[in-house]
Amino acid sequence: MSCSASATSPDELLSPELLPTLADYAYSAAAAADRRGLSNELVRLHEEIAESKSYAREWEQRLAEIKEELCSTKDKLIYQTTLSNRNQQNRIMIEQEYR
């Protein structure tokens, strides 16, 4: 028995019944790739949101610290203004006594 090698084209290997199955497989593979791409994009967006929330918390904390500093500075300014007004009144009273 001898084997004869005959050249067959890829089209000859594919039966017409197999073509719809291959098309479905190709579509499924493409859809799976799209889902993976979307999943990767969702993961990336989720990470960006988490990072943004972290930055927002940091800025809220910094804003609270600045508000606290501002209130403290305001209180000091009110105190200094009160002392200055008292000193000015005392100076006026002393000047009036010596006239």
Protein backbone atom coordinates (compact mmCIF):
# COMPACT_ATOMS: atom_id res chain seq x y z
CA MET A 1 0.00 0.00 0.00
CA SER A 2 1.29 3.34 -0.88
CA CYS A 3 0.12 6.63 0.45
CA SER A 4 -0.27 9.35 -2.02
CA ALA A 5 0.00 12.85 -0.71
CA SER A 6 -2.45 15.15 -2.30
CA ALA A 7 -2.49 18.86 -1.69
CA THR A 8 -5.76 20.02 -0.22
CA SER A 9 -6.62 23.64 0.25
CA PRO A 10 -8.00 24.91 3.54
CA ASP A 11 -11.31 25.60 1.83
CA GLU A 12 -11.59 21.93 0.91
CA LEU A 13 -11.02 20.92 4.54
CA LEU A 14 -13.90 23.07 5.76
CA SER A 15 -17.25 21.56 5.14
CA PRO A 16 -20.22 23.87 4.60
CA GLU A 17 -21.79 22.51 7.78
CA LEU A 18 -18.76 23.56 9.82
CA LEU A 19 -18.65 27.18 8.60
CA PRO A 20 -21.58 28.45 10.75
CA THR A 21 -20.01 26.82 13.81
CA LEU A 22 -16.69 28.52 13.08
CA ALA A 23 -18.46 31.84 12.57
CA ASP A 24 -20.21 31.41 15.93
CA TYR A 25 -16.89 30.53 17.56
CA ALA A 26 -15.20 33.57 16.01
CA TYR A 27 -18.07 35.76 17.18
CA SER A 28 -17.89 34.25 20.68
CA ALA A 29 -14.13 34.76 20.79
CA ALA A 30 -14.51 38.37 19.67
CA ALA A 31 -17.26 38.94 22.23
CA ALA A 32 -15.09 37.42 24.96
CA ALA A 33 -12.22 39.70 23.95
CA ASP A 34 -14.59 42.67 24.08
CA ARG A 35 -15.76 41.61 27.55
CA ARG A 36 -12.15 41.29 28.71
CA GLY A 37 -11.44 44.72 27.30
CA LEU A 38 -14.50 46.12 29.04
CA SER A 39 -13.56 44.34 32.25
CA ASN A 40 -10.09 45.84 32.10
CA GLU A 41 -11.61 49.26 31.46
CA LEU A 42 -14.02 48.81 34.38
CA VAL A 43 -11.14 47.83 36.66
CA ARG A 44 -9.15 50.87 35.51
CA LEU A 45 -12.12 53.18 36.08
CA HIS A 46 -12.78 51.63 39.48
CA GLU A 47 -9.16 52.27 40.46
CA GLU A 48 -9.41 55.87 39.24
CA ILE A 49 -12.58 56.39 41.29
CA ALA A 50 -10.92 54.94 44.38
CA GLU A 51 -7.91 57.21 43.84
CA SER A 52 -10.18 60.22 43.33
CA LYS A 53 -12.04 59.42 46.55
CA SER A 54 -8.72 59.20 48.37
CA TYR A 55 -7.69 62.61 47.01
CA ALA A 56 -11.08 64.04 47.98
CA ARG A 57 -10.66 62.77 51.56
CA GLU A 58 -7.18 64.28 51.72
CA TRP A 59 -8.45 67.63 50.46
CA GLU A 60 -11.40 67.57 52.86
CA GLN A 61 -8.96 66.93 55.73
CA ARG A 62 -6.71 69.75 54.55
CA LEU A 63 -9.72 72.06 54.20
CA ALA A 64 -10.79 71.25 57.78
CA GLU A 65 -7.25 72.04 58.98
CA ILE A 66 -7.25 75.35 57.10
CA LYS A 67 -10.66 76.27 58.55
CA GLU A 68 -9.33 75.48 62.02
CA GLU A 69 -6.25 77.66 61.42
CA LEU A 70 -8.47 80.44 60.08
CA CYS A 71 -10.70 80.35 63.17
CA SER A 72 -7.65 80.42 65.41
CA THR A 73 -6.19 83.37 63.51
CA LYS A 74 -9.54 85.17 63.66
CA ASP A 75 -9.72 84.64 67.44
CA LYS A 76 -6.17 85.99 67.83
CA LEU A 77 -7.01 89.00 65.68
CA ILE A 78 -10.12 89.75 67.74
CA TYR A 79 -8.06 89.48 70.93
CA GLN A 80 -5.33 91.76 69.54
CA THR A 81 -7.93 94.28 68.33
CA THR A 82 -9.57 94.29 71.76
CA LEU A 83 -6.20 94.87 73.46
CA SER A 84 -5.35 97.63 71.01
CA ASN A 85 -8.70 99.35 71.62
CA ARG A 86 -8.19 99.14 75.41
CA ASN A 87 -4.67 100.53 75.10
CA GLN A 88 -5.94 103.38 72.98
CA GLN A 89 -8.69 104.15 75.52
CA ASN A 90 -6.16 104.03 78.36
CA ARG A 91 -3.81 106.36 76.49
CA ILE A 92 -6.66 108.82 75.89
CA MET A 93 -7.63 108.71 79.59
CA ILE A 94 -4.02 109.26 80.69
CA GLU A 95 -3.61 112.17 78.27
CA GLN A 96 -6.81 113.74 79.59
CA GLU A 97 -5.62 113.39 83.20
CA TYR A 98 -2.34 115.17 82.48
CA ARG A 99 -3.96 118.10 80.68
